[in-house]
Structure formats: structure tokens, C-alpha cells
Amino acid sequence: MGKFNRVLEEKVMPVAAKIGAQRHLLALRDGLIATMPFIVIGSLFLIIANFPIPGYADWMTSIFGPTWSAKLGYPVDATFNIMSIIASFAVAYRLAESYKLDAMSAGTISVSAFLLTTPFSFMYTPAGAEAGILVTGTISKAFLSSKGLFVALLFAIISTEIYRWVVKKDIVIKMPAGVPPSVGKSFAALIPGLIVFLVVWGIRLLVELTPYESINGLVTTLLGDPLKMVGLTLGGTIVAEIFVTVLWSTGLHGTNIVKSVMEPIWFGAMGDNMAAYEAGQPVPHIVTQQFWDNFVHIGGTGVTFGLVLAMVLFAKSQQMKSLGRLAFGPGIFNINEPLIFGMPIVLNPIMIIPFVVTSVVTVIVTFIGMDIGWVAKPVGIAVPWTMPPIISGYLASGGQISGAVMNIVNIVISFLIYLPFFKMYDKAKKREEDAMNMGEEKDVIA
């Protein structure tokens, strides 16, 4: 075990630390986090529009008329379905901040560059029609939501890097002293912005000469589809979860590091599921953001809610009893830093094993349960990751009892795997406390 710890400290931690501090991954993470309030707000209206109670739609129609569902879709379109625009601005803003550039200019240039990549026409097929209609002069909301997320993130980085290069070469318009700073910054962004637009425009024109027709088509085909094939499979999901838990066990925020790479895939799958759910069709994907937040990471990374229950019910040492009571409240809301750093699980050769194993087993059981149809798949509703278990599974599955039952099953799995390891660890802590108390008694007698 000592050798294992040394390998973690000397080999894994330095590499993971570099990955976690990489500025582009940090910008992607922060940019996607910026979309979450809008996604949650939009999801609230989506839940109201699709509440899973028999007769609910007829009841709403009798009160608000036949267009009530479409009107509830307005906030969805203004939040969930513009997530690519929000991410485009936020990623560029954070990346420019890390370079100590004018973040506002970088963000606005990024949004314009993203829109420049996006077709202002799309094929629309009315219900029952055999052929589609070419709609021009407008952007499909699909490109502004999860479908355009890859392109938004890619060109947020590309546009900001071009902007940084031009500013670094000092190819900017400098205003005289005395001009308000906001005006000076606007003129300073003029040439960098023009160069960004020329580059992106050139890329678009070249791509339009290919069979892919648009940048969205190119990225989706060459990048998005292969990543989805890996990232949404059981094998890819297991690998991602192992990375998350191993990084956490070295003291690094494995969730953020892995999500910065995988979140675009999970959000894309989430958008696909939401679209299918709205249309009354079967949802296509198992692995989405909700799969992780509301089915796997119950109690936090490592499915530690079962560990918290084991501590509360079976702890013998005073340290574990106190920690169990302290961790129970946050654990209900899927916050487990008190355990990870207080137990600790970090670099703890006893507790790292169930920390990784429980996560993998939970991923496998949940995936198989959804794949064979015993458990309802996540429907694309953005249930906050802090939602207490059982409730979160019910909501994420679109109000299906099977989602809540899956949460209970995963808690039981977590409890059973953690229990023997915890008892062994707790027993060692109890011996330490007894030895310490015996030493204090001898001192008093002496």
C-alpha cells in the first residue's frame, strides 16, 4: 500500500494537477457552469409542460386553452435552447481573463464568430408532409442549443486565441489619452475582431465546398459522432468514472477535470433526450448529465451516501461518529467534501478501493437497468445535482417510480460495498482512540 501511495503521489498527482490547471479546460468548465442556471430555469418550465400525471394535459387545456403547452415553451427557448450562445460568450470570457485580456471584447467576438459559423437557413418538415421546406433568413434553434455546443466551444477557443495573438503583436487601434476606457477598448478590439471574422468566414466558405455543407455538419460528423460513440457507451462511461474517482482520491477535483472534456457530449445527449421527450418519443440516450448527477453520484462522487449511512449506523470510534453526523446533512444534497478530506478518502489505501469500486458497480447496474428497460432513462430535464436522492431519480426520469427505485438500489449497493471497508477502518480508529485514552489515564495516575 505504501508503494501504491507513492505511485499516486509521484506519478498520478503531478499529471492530474497539470490537467486540472490547464487554462482551456478551466475555461470550458467555467463556461459550461455559466449555462446551468438557464438550463435549470428552462427545465422547470419543461417539467410543468410535461408533468407526468394522467389527465394533466387535458386539465391544463381546460383552464388555459389549447396553446398552453406552446406558451410554456417560450422560457425553454430563451434559456435551454440558447445554451450554445451563453457558453460561447462565457468560455471566451474566462479564457481571455486567464490571459489578462479584455474579457468582454473576447466574449462578444466569440458570439459573433459562432453565429458566423451557423447557417441562416434550415429544412423544416411540417407534420404529415412528405417533403421539407427550406426556411431562409433565420437560424434553427437546434444550432443554438445543445446541437451547436461543440461548434460554440471550439470557436470560443479559436476566436480568443486569434484575438490574443493579434493583441500580442500589438496590431490594435490605440486611442489618445483622455478617451473613456470603454471607448478605447472597443476600438482596440476592432482589428482583432476583423481578423477573427475573416478567418472564421474563410473556414465557413471552405467547408461549404465539401459534402459536410456547414461547420456544424463537419464537427458533428468528424468529432461529435465518434465522441458520442465512446462517451455514451457503457465502456466509455466506466472509464470516465474511474478517472473521476482516481483523481479525487489524489486530492484533485476529478469531477471538474473529467466534465470539462465530457460535458459537451453529455449535454448534447441531454438535449437529444429533451427533444424526444417533448415530442412524445422514446428518449435515445442513457448517459447524459442527469445520469451522473442524479443516478450515479448519489451523496457525491463515489456514491458516498451509503458510506454516510454506514458511519451513522455502525461507527464505534468517536472520530467516525462525529464525522458521520457532520457529513449526513451535506450528503443528502450530494456534497461529500467533508468525507473526502475529513475521513479522509484522499490517499487512504483502505477507502480508495470501495470509492472506485462502488462507482463502477453503480454505473454498470444503472446502465444495464436502463438499457433493458427496467428503469426509465433520463428525459433531459435538468434536475440540479444538489437535489436529494430518490426525489432526483424520480424527477430526472420524467416522474417515473423506477427512477426513484434505481436511486434506492444504488444507495443499497453503496452501503453494502462500503460497510466492510468502513468497519475495518473504523476499528483501526477505535484502537487509536483507546490507546490514546489509556496513555492519558497512565499520565493522570502517575
Protein backbone atom coordinates (compact mmCIF):
# COMPACT_ATOMS: atom_id res chain seq x y z
CA MET A 1 0.00 0.00 0.00
CA GLY A 2 2.90 2.35 0.71
CA LYS A 3 4.19 1.75 -2.81
CA PHE A 4 0.68 2.40 -4.20
CA ASN A 5 0.51 5.72 -2.36
CA ARG A 6 3.93 6.71 -3.68
CA VAL A 7 2.83 5.97 -7.25
CA LEU A 8 -0.23 8.16 -6.74
CA GLU A 9 1.81 10.99 -5.25
CA GLU A 10 4.73 10.84 -7.68
CA LYS A 11 3.09 9.83 -10.96
CA VAL A 12 -0.65 10.49 -10.93
CA MET A 13 -0.89 13.71 -8.93
CA PRO A 14 1.55 15.83 -10.99
CA VAL A 15 -0.14 14.84 -14.27
CA ALA A 16 -3.63 15.34 -12.89
CA ALA A 17 -2.66 18.69 -11.39
CA LYS A 18 -1.41 19.90 -14.78
CA ILE A 19 -4.61 18.75 -16.46
CA GLY A 20 -6.75 20.40 -13.80
CA ALA A 21 -4.91 23.71 -14.16
CA GLN A 22 -4.88 23.77 -17.98
CA ARG A 23 -6.40 27.12 -18.93
CA HIS A 24 -8.51 25.89 -21.85
CA LEU A 25 -10.11 23.10 -19.81
CA LEU A 26 -10.75 25.54 -16.97
CA ALA A 27 -12.40 27.97 -19.40
CA LEU A 28 -14.57 25.18 -20.83
CA ARG A 29 -15.60 24.09 -17.35
CA ASP A 30 -16.45 27.60 -16.17
CA GLY A 31 -18.23 28.42 -19.41
CA LEU A 32 -20.46 25.37 -19.15
CA ILE A 33 -21.15 26.09 -15.49
CA ALA A 34 -22.42 29.52 -16.58
CA THR A 35 -25.16 27.81 -18.61
CA MET A 36 -26.52 25.81 -15.67
CA PRO A 37 -28.88 28.46 -14.15
CA PHE A 38 -30.54 28.91 -17.54
CA ILE A 39 -30.81 25.17 -18.10
CA VAL A 40 -32.41 24.65 -14.68
CA ILE A 41 -34.86 27.54 -15.23
CA GLY A 42 -35.82 26.18 -18.63
CA SER A 43 -36.21 22.71 -17.20
CA LEU A 44 -38.69 23.95 -14.58
CA PHE A 45 -41.00 25.12 -17.36
CA LEU A 46 -40.36 21.87 -19.24
CA ILE A 47 -41.48 19.90 -16.18
CA ILE A 48 -44.65 22.00 -15.90
CA ALA A 49 -45.40 21.49 -19.58
CA ASN A 50 -44.88 17.71 -19.36
CA PHE A 51 -45.97 16.83 -15.83
CA PRO A 52 -46.37 13.02 -15.70
CA ILE A 53 -49.90 12.79 -14.31
CA PRO A 54 -52.73 11.20 -16.34
CA GLY A 55 -55.25 13.83 -17.37
CA TYR A 56 -52.89 16.71 -16.55
CA ALA A 57 -52.69 17.97 -20.15
CA ASP A 58 -56.49 17.94 -20.53
CA TRP A 59 -56.90 19.77 -17.22
CA MET A 60 -54.41 22.47 -18.25
CA THR A 61 -56.13 22.82 -21.62
CA SER A 62 -59.50 23.33 -19.94
CA ILE A 63 -58.06 26.18 -17.86
CA PHE A 64 -55.55 27.89 -20.17
CA GLY A 65 -56.66 26.84 -23.65
CA PRO A 66 -55.06 24.61 -26.30
CA THR A 67 -51.91 26.73 -26.66
CA TRP A 68 -50.82 26.49 -23.00
CA SER A 69 -48.03 23.98 -23.73
CA ALA A 70 -46.55 26.09 -26.56
CA LYS A 71 -46.54 29.18 -24.34
CA LEU A 72 -44.70 27.30 -21.61
CA GLY A 73 -42.09 26.60 -24.28
CA TYR A 74 -41.20 30.29 -24.56
CA PRO A 75 -38.97 30.27 -21.45
CA VAL A 76 -37.44 26.96 -22.61
CA ASP A 77 -36.44 28.57 -25.90
CA ALA A 78 -34.99 31.60 -24.09
CA THR A 79 -32.91 29.50 -21.67
CA PHE A 80 -32.24 25.87 -22.54
CA ASN A 81 -32.31 26.45 -26.29
CA ILE A 82 -29.70 29.24 -26.32
CA MET A 83 -27.13 27.40 -24.22
CA SER A 84 -24.58 27.45 -27.08
CA ILE A 85 -24.66 31.25 -27.25
CA ILE A 86 -24.22 31.55 -23.48
CA ALA A 87 -21.37 29.02 -23.49
CA SER A 88 -19.72 30.75 -26.45
CA PHE A 89 -19.55 34.03 -24.56
CA ALA A 90 -18.66 32.55 -21.16
CA VAL A 91 -15.84 30.28 -22.38
CA ALA A 92 -14.19 33.10 -24.34
CA TYR A 93 -14.65 35.47 -21.41
CA ARG A 94 -12.94 33.11 -18.95
CA LEU A 95 -10.15 32.22 -21.36
CA ALA A 96 -9.44 35.89 -22.05
CA GLU A 97 -9.45 36.56 -18.31
CA SER A 98 -6.77 33.90 -17.83
CA TYR A 99 -4.66 35.73 -20.44
CA LYS A 100 -5.40 39.10 -18.77
CA LEU A 101 -7.09 40.38 -21.94
CA ASP A 102 -10.29 42.40 -22.30
CA ALA A 103 -12.72 39.61 -21.49
CA MET A 104 -15.84 41.48 -22.62
CA SER A 105 -14.43 42.05 -26.12
CA ALA A 106 -13.31 38.42 -26.37
CA GLY A 107 -16.75 37.21 -25.33
CA THR A 108 -18.66 39.35 -27.82
CA ILE A 109 -16.27 38.47 -30.66
CA SER A 110 -16.73 34.80 -29.81
CA VAL A 111 -20.53 35.04 -30.02
CA SER A 112 -20.32 36.81 -33.38
CA ALA A 113 -17.84 34.22 -34.66
CA PHE A 114 -20.13 31.42 -33.53
CA LEU A 115 -23.10 32.97 -35.33
CA LEU A 116 -20.91 33.38 -38.42
CA THR A 117 -20.39 29.60 -38.44
CA THR A 118 -24.11 28.93 -38.16
CA PRO A 119 -26.34 28.52 -41.24
CA PHE A 120 -29.14 31.07 -41.54
CA SER A 121 -31.37 28.50 -43.23
CA PHE A 122 -32.66 25.04 -42.46
CA MET A 123 -35.05 22.40 -43.75
CA TYR A 124 -38.40 22.26 -41.98
CA THR A 125 -40.76 19.35 -42.47
CA PRO A 126 -44.34 20.05 -41.29
CA ALA A 127 -46.22 17.25 -39.58
CA GLY A 128 -47.64 14.87 -42.17
CA ALA A 129 -45.69 16.44 -45.05
CA GLU A 130 -43.65 14.24 -47.39
CA ALA A 131 -41.05 16.88 -48.28
CA GLY A 132 -39.29 19.55 -46.27
CA ILE A 133 -39.41 23.29 -46.80
CA LEU A 134 -36.24 25.39 -46.97
CA VAL A 135 -36.58 28.20 -44.43
CA THR A 136 -34.14 31.07 -45.04
CA GLY A 137 -33.17 34.19 -43.14
CA THR A 138 -33.38 32.55 -39.73
CA ILE A 139 -31.38 30.21 -37.50
CA SER A 140 -32.71 26.87 -36.33
CA LYS A 141 -32.88 26.88 -32.53
CA ALA A 142 -31.28 23.44 -32.65
CA PHE A 143 -27.97 25.09 -33.61
CA LEU A 144 -28.23 27.48 -30.65
CA SER A 145 -28.97 24.72 -28.15
CA SER A 146 -27.03 21.53 -27.48
CA LYS A 147 -26.63 20.65 -31.17
CA GLY A 148 -24.39 23.67 -31.70
CA LEU A 149 -22.46 23.30 -28.46
CA PHE A 150 -19.37 21.65 -29.97
CA VAL A 151 -19.02 24.43 -32.52
CA ALA A 152 -19.64 27.13 -29.90
CA LEU A 153 -16.94 25.76 -27.59
CA LEU A 154 -14.47 25.15 -30.42
CA PHE A 155 -14.78 28.63 -31.89
CA ALA A 156 -14.80 30.30 -28.49
CA ILE A 157 -11.27 28.95 -28.04
CA ILE A 158 -10.20 29.60 -31.65
CA SER A 159 -11.51 33.19 -31.69
CA THR A 160 -9.93 34.02 -28.33
CA GLU A 161 -6.57 32.56 -29.34
CA ILE A 162 -6.61 34.63 -32.56
CA TYR A 163 -7.64 37.69 -30.55
CA ARG A 164 -4.76 37.07 -28.12
CA TRP A 165 -2.24 36.64 -30.95
CA VAL A 166 -3.26 39.90 -32.65
CA VAL A 167 -3.17 41.85 -29.38
CA LYS A 168 0.20 40.32 -28.53
CA LYS A 169 1.52 41.54 -31.91
CA ASP A 170 0.15 44.99 -30.96
CA ILE A 171 -1.97 45.17 -34.13
CA VAL A 172 -4.62 47.33 -32.47
CA ILE A 173 -6.03 50.84 -32.78
CA LYS A 174 -4.86 52.96 -29.86
CA MET A 175 -6.97 55.93 -28.86
CA PRO A 176 -5.46 59.16 -27.45
CA ALA A 177 -5.22 59.75 -23.71
CA GLY A 178 -8.43 61.12 -22.24
CA VAL A 179 -10.73 58.88 -24.25
CA PRO A 180 -13.05 56.88 -21.94
CA PRO A 181 -11.65 53.37 -21.27
CA SER A 182 -14.78 51.65 -22.64
CA VAL A 183 -14.41 53.50 -25.96
CA GLY A 184 -10.69 52.71 -26.10
CA LYS A 185 -11.34 49.01 -25.54
CA SER A 186 -13.98 48.94 -28.27
CA PHE A 187 -11.59 50.43 -30.82
CA ALA A 188 -8.76 48.17 -29.60
CA ALA A 189 -10.96 45.14 -30.39
CA LEU A 190 -11.74 46.35 -33.91
CA ILE A 191 -8.76 44.89 -35.80
CA PRO A 192 -8.58 41.65 -33.74
CA GLY A 193 -12.31 41.18 -34.28
CA LEU A 194 -11.98 41.77 -38.02
CA ILE A 195 -9.19 39.20 -38.28
CA VAL A 196 -11.25 36.67 -36.31
CA PHE A 197 -14.22 37.19 -38.63
CA LEU A 198 -12.06 36.86 -41.74
CA VAL A 199 -10.57 33.59 -40.50
CA VAL A 200 -13.93 32.12 -39.45
CA TRP A 201 -15.59 33.33 -42.66
CA GLY A 202 -12.83 31.68 -44.69
CA ILE A 203 -13.27 28.41 -42.79
CA ARG A 204 -17.00 28.51 -43.42
CA LEU A 205 -16.59 29.13 -47.15
CA LEU A 206 -14.11 26.25 -47.45
CA VAL A 207 -16.34 23.85 -45.53
CA GLU A 208 -19.32 24.76 -47.70
CA LEU A 209 -17.38 23.39 -50.69
CA THR A 210 -17.31 19.95 -49.03
CA PRO A 211 -20.14 17.39 -48.64
CA TYR A 212 -20.48 18.47 -44.99
CA GLU A 213 -22.10 21.77 -46.19
CA SER A 214 -21.61 23.58 -42.87
CA ILE A 215 -19.17 23.74 -39.96
CA ASN A 216 -21.86 22.21 -37.75
CA GLY A 217 -22.14 19.29 -40.13
CA LEU A 218 -18.37 18.85 -40.27
CA VAL A 219 -17.85 18.93 -36.50
CA THR A 220 -20.83 16.70 -35.81
CA THR A 221 -19.64 14.09 -38.29
CA LEU A 222 -15.89 14.09 -37.63
CA LEU A 223 -15.84 14.88 -33.90
CA GLY A 224 -19.23 14.67 -32.28
CA ASP A 225 -20.32 11.28 -33.56
CA PRO A 226 -17.10 9.38 -32.61
CA LEU A 227 -17.02 11.02 -29.18
CA LYS A 228 -20.65 10.12 -28.60
CA MET A 229 -19.94 6.53 -29.62
CA VAL A 230 -17.22 6.30 -26.96
CA GLY A 231 -18.56 8.66 -24.33
CA LEU A 232 -22.11 7.32 -24.28
CA THR A 233 -21.24 3.61 -24.24
CA LEU A 234 -21.01 1.52 -21.09
CA GLY A 235 -17.26 1.04 -21.57
CA GLY A 236 -16.60 4.74 -22.12
CA THR A 237 -18.77 5.62 -19.13
CA ILE A 238 -16.86 3.23 -16.87
CA VAL A 239 -13.52 4.69 -17.99
CA ALA A 240 -14.75 8.24 -17.35
CA GLU A 241 -15.96 7.33 -13.86
CA ILE A 242 -12.68 5.59 -13.00
CA PHE A 243 -10.83 8.77 -13.97
CA VAL A 244 -13.17 10.85 -11.80
CA THR A 245 -12.68 8.72 -8.68
CA VAL A 246 -8.94 8.15 -9.10
CA LEU A 247 -8.34 11.89 -9.49
CA TRP A 248 -10.47 12.62 -6.41
CA SER A 249 -8.50 10.02 -4.44
CA THR A 250 -5.34 12.04 -5.10
CA GLY A 251 -6.96 15.20 -3.76
CA LEU A 252 -7.88 16.74 -7.12
CA HIS A 253 -11.38 17.67 -8.27
CA GLY A 254 -11.83 14.75 -10.63
CA THR A 255 -15.42 15.67 -11.43
CA ASN A 256 -14.49 19.06 -12.86
CA ILE A 257 -11.45 17.75 -14.72
CA VAL A 258 -13.37 14.96 -16.50
CA LYS A 259 -16.54 17.00 -17.02
CA SER A 260 -14.58 19.73 -18.78
CA VAL A 261 -13.85 17.17 -21.51
CA MET A 262 -17.05 15.09 -21.42
CA GLU A 263 -19.75 17.64 -20.57
CA PRO A 264 -20.32 18.75 -24.19
CA ILE A 265 -21.13 15.12 -25.03
CA TRP A 266 -23.40 14.67 -22.02
CA PHE A 267 -25.17 17.98 -22.63
CA GLY A 268 -25.63 17.05 -26.28
CA ALA A 269 -27.22 13.74 -25.28
CA MET A 270 -29.33 15.60 -22.74
CA GLY A 271 -30.60 17.91 -25.49
CA ASP A 272 -31.44 14.92 -27.72
CA ASN A 273 -33.41 13.31 -24.89
CA MET A 274 -35.26 16.53 -24.13
CA ALA A 275 -36.26 16.96 -27.77
CA ALA A 276 -37.54 13.39 -27.93
CA TYR A 277 -39.36 13.79 -24.60
CA GLU A 278 -41.07 16.97 -25.80
CA ALA A 279 -42.15 15.20 -28.98
CA GLY A 280 -43.57 12.25 -27.02
CA GLN A 281 -40.99 9.85 -28.46
CA PRO A 282 -38.70 7.37 -26.63
CA VAL A 283 -35.56 9.09 -25.36
CA PRO A 284 -32.47 7.78 -27.20
CA HIS A 285 -29.61 8.08 -24.69
CA ILE A 286 -28.84 6.57 -21.30
CA VAL A 287 -25.71 8.55 -20.43
CA THR A 288 -26.48 12.23 -20.01
CA GLN A 289 -25.58 14.86 -17.42
CA GLN A 290 -28.52 13.58 -15.31
CA PHE A 291 -27.20 10.02 -15.45
CA TRP A 292 -24.18 11.21 -13.50
CA ASP A 293 -25.75 13.87 -11.29
CA ASN A 294 -28.96 12.10 -10.34
CA PHE A 295 -28.27 8.36 -10.59
CA VAL A 296 -24.55 7.69 -10.10
CA HIS A 297 -23.14 10.41 -7.85
CA ILE A 298 -25.61 9.90 -5.02
CA GLY A 299 -24.15 11.61 -1.97
CA GLY A 300 -21.38 12.91 -4.20
CA THR A 301 -18.60 11.33 -6.24
CA GLY A 302 -18.01 7.74 -5.17
CA VAL A 303 -21.69 7.21 -4.30
CA THR A 304 -20.78 8.06 -0.72
CA PHE A 305 -24.31 8.33 0.67
CA GLY A 306 -24.11 4.64 1.53
CA LEU A 307 -20.87 5.31 3.38
CA VAL A 308 -22.53 8.11 5.35
CA LEU A 309 -25.31 5.72 6.38
CA ALA A 310 -22.73 3.12 7.44
CA MET A 311 -20.97 5.74 9.57
CA VAL A 312 -24.18 6.91 11.23
CA LEU A 313 -25.39 3.37 11.97
CA PHE A 314 -22.22 1.44 12.80
CA ALA A 315 -19.39 3.79 13.77
CA LYS A 316 -17.64 2.83 17.03
CA SER A 317 -14.85 5.40 17.12
CA GLN A 318 -15.70 8.91 18.27
CA GLN A 319 -13.99 10.40 15.23
CA MET A 320 -16.15 8.43 12.77
CA LYS A 321 -19.33 9.04 14.79
CA SER A 322 -18.74 12.78 14.76
CA LEU A 323 -17.78 12.81 11.09
CA GLY A 324 -20.84 10.75 10.16
CA ARG A 325 -23.17 13.23 11.86
CA LEU A 326 -21.34 16.12 10.22
CA ALA A 327 -21.39 14.56 6.74
CA PHE A 328 -25.03 13.44 6.79
CA GLY A 329 -26.57 16.86 6.09
CA PRO A 330 -24.31 17.76 3.15
CA GLY A 331 -24.54 14.16 1.91
CA ILE A 332 -28.29 14.48 1.43
CA PHE A 333 -27.52 17.24 -1.06
CA ASN A 334 -24.70 15.25 -2.73
CA ILE A 335 -21.84 17.22 -1.17
CA ASN A 336 -19.13 14.94 0.18
CA GLU A 337 -16.01 17.07 0.67
CA PRO A 338 -16.30 16.52 4.47
CA LEU A 339 -15.80 12.82 3.80
CA ILE A 340 -13.22 13.06 1.06
CA PHE A 341 -10.95 15.38 3.01
CA GLY A 342 -12.16 14.73 6.57
CA MET A 343 -12.12 10.95 6.76
CA PRO A 344 -10.02 11.21 4.57
CA ILE A 345 -10.65 9.20 1.42
CA VAL A 346 -7.80 11.07 -0.28
CA LEU A 347 -4.70 8.84 -0.34
CA ASN A 348 -6.39 6.43 2.06
CA PRO A 349 -5.42 2.92 0.86
CA ILE A 350 -8.37 1.33 2.69
CA MET A 351 -11.13 3.65 1.48
CA ILE A 352 -9.89 4.31 -2.07
CA ILE A 353 -10.82 0.75 -3.05
CA PRO A 354 -14.57 0.99 -2.30
CA PHE A 355 -14.57 4.60 -3.51
CA VAL A 356 -13.62 3.42 -7.02
CA VAL A 357 -15.39 0.05 -7.00
CA THR A 358 -18.74 1.42 -5.78
CA SER A 359 -18.78 4.00 -8.56
CA VAL A 360 -18.04 1.43 -11.28
CA VAL A 361 -20.62 -1.06 -9.98
CA THR A 362 -23.25 1.67 -9.76
CA VAL A 363 -22.54 2.79 -13.32
CA ILE A 364 -22.86 -0.80 -14.60
CA VAL A 365 -26.07 -1.60 -12.70
CA THR A 366 -27.75 1.69 -13.63
CA PHE A 367 -26.73 1.46 -17.29
CA ILE A 368 -27.94 -2.14 -17.64
CA GLY A 369 -31.18 -1.36 -15.80
CA MET A 370 -31.95 1.44 -18.23
CA ASP A 371 -30.71 -0.47 -21.28
CA ILE A 372 -33.03 -3.44 -20.71
CA GLY A 373 -35.95 -1.16 -19.90
CA TRP A 374 -36.38 -1.85 -16.19
CA VAL A 375 -35.51 1.75 -15.35
CA ALA A 376 -36.69 4.87 -17.20
CA LYS A 377 -33.89 6.78 -18.94
CA PRO A 378 -33.17 10.43 -18.07
CA VAL A 379 -35.58 12.53 -20.12
CA GLY A 380 -33.38 15.63 -20.45
CA ILE A 381 -34.87 17.62 -17.58
CA ALA A 382 -32.03 19.43 -15.78
CA VAL A 383 -32.54 18.35 -12.21
CA PRO A 384 -29.98 20.18 -10.03
CA TRP A 385 -27.14 17.95 -8.86
CA THR A 386 -27.91 19.01 -5.27
CA MET A 387 -31.40 17.50 -5.41
CA PRO A 388 -31.72 14.84 -2.66
CA PRO A 389 -31.66 11.22 -3.85
CA ILE A 390 -34.89 9.37 -4.62
CA ILE A 391 -36.55 12.70 -5.47
CA SER A 392 -33.80 13.38 -8.02
CA GLY A 393 -34.20 9.99 -9.67
CA TYR A 394 -37.97 10.45 -9.86
CA LEU A 395 -37.70 13.87 -11.48
CA ALA A 396 -34.80 13.05 -13.83
CA SER A 397 -36.70 10.06 -15.23
CA GLY A 398 -39.71 12.23 -16.02
CA GLY A 399 -41.72 11.30 -12.95
CA GLN A 400 -41.22 7.53 -13.18
CA ILE A 401 -41.15 5.47 -9.98
CA SER A 402 -38.42 3.30 -11.49
CA GLY A 403 -36.04 6.30 -11.32
CA ALA A 404 -36.62 6.63 -7.58
CA VAL A 405 -36.24 2.86 -7.11
CA MET A 406 -32.93 2.97 -9.01
CA ASN A 407 -31.68 5.58 -6.54
CA ILE A 408 -32.62 3.31 -3.63
CA VAL A 409 -30.89 0.32 -5.26
CA ASN A 410 -27.71 2.36 -5.78
CA ILE A 411 -27.75 3.53 -2.15
CA VAL A 412 -28.05 -0.10 -1.01
CA ILE A 413 -25.19 -1.13 -3.31
CA SER A 414 -23.08 1.70 -1.95
CA PHE A 415 -23.88 0.77 1.63
CA LEU A 416 -23.03 -2.92 1.16
CA ILE A 417 -19.71 -2.27 -0.61
CA TYR A 418 -18.53 0.41 1.79
CA LEU A 419 -19.60 -1.34 5.01
CA PRO A 420 -16.79 -3.95 5.39
CA PHE A 421 -14.09 -1.42 4.45
CA PHE A 422 -15.56 1.17 6.79
CA LYS A 423 -15.77 -1.30 9.68
CA MET A 424 -12.10 -2.19 9.17
CA TYR A 425 -11.12 1.48 9.07
CA ASP A 426 -13.37 2.39 12.00
CA LYS A 427 -11.90 -0.46 14.06
CA ALA A 428 -8.39 0.89 13.48
CA LYS A 429 -9.52 4.37 14.54
CA LYS A 430 -11.14 2.90 17.66
CA ARG A 431 -7.87 1.20 18.61
CA GLU A 432 -6.03 4.50 18.15
CA GLU A 433 -8.51 6.29 20.41
CA ASP A 434 -8.35 3.52 23.05
CA ALA A 435 -4.55 3.63 23.03
CA MET A 436 -4.62 7.40 23.39
CA ASN A 437 -7.10 7.21 26.27
CA MET A 438 -5.00 4.56 28.04
CA GLY A 439 -1.95 6.79 27.71
CA GLU A 440 -3.83 9.74 29.22
CA GLU A 441 -5.03 7.58 32.15
CA LYS A 442 -1.45 6.49 32.90
CA ASP A 443 -0.32 10.09 32.90
CA VAL A 444 -3.07 11.03 35.35
CA ILE A 445 -2.18 8.12 37.69
CA ALA A 446 1.49 8.98 37.54
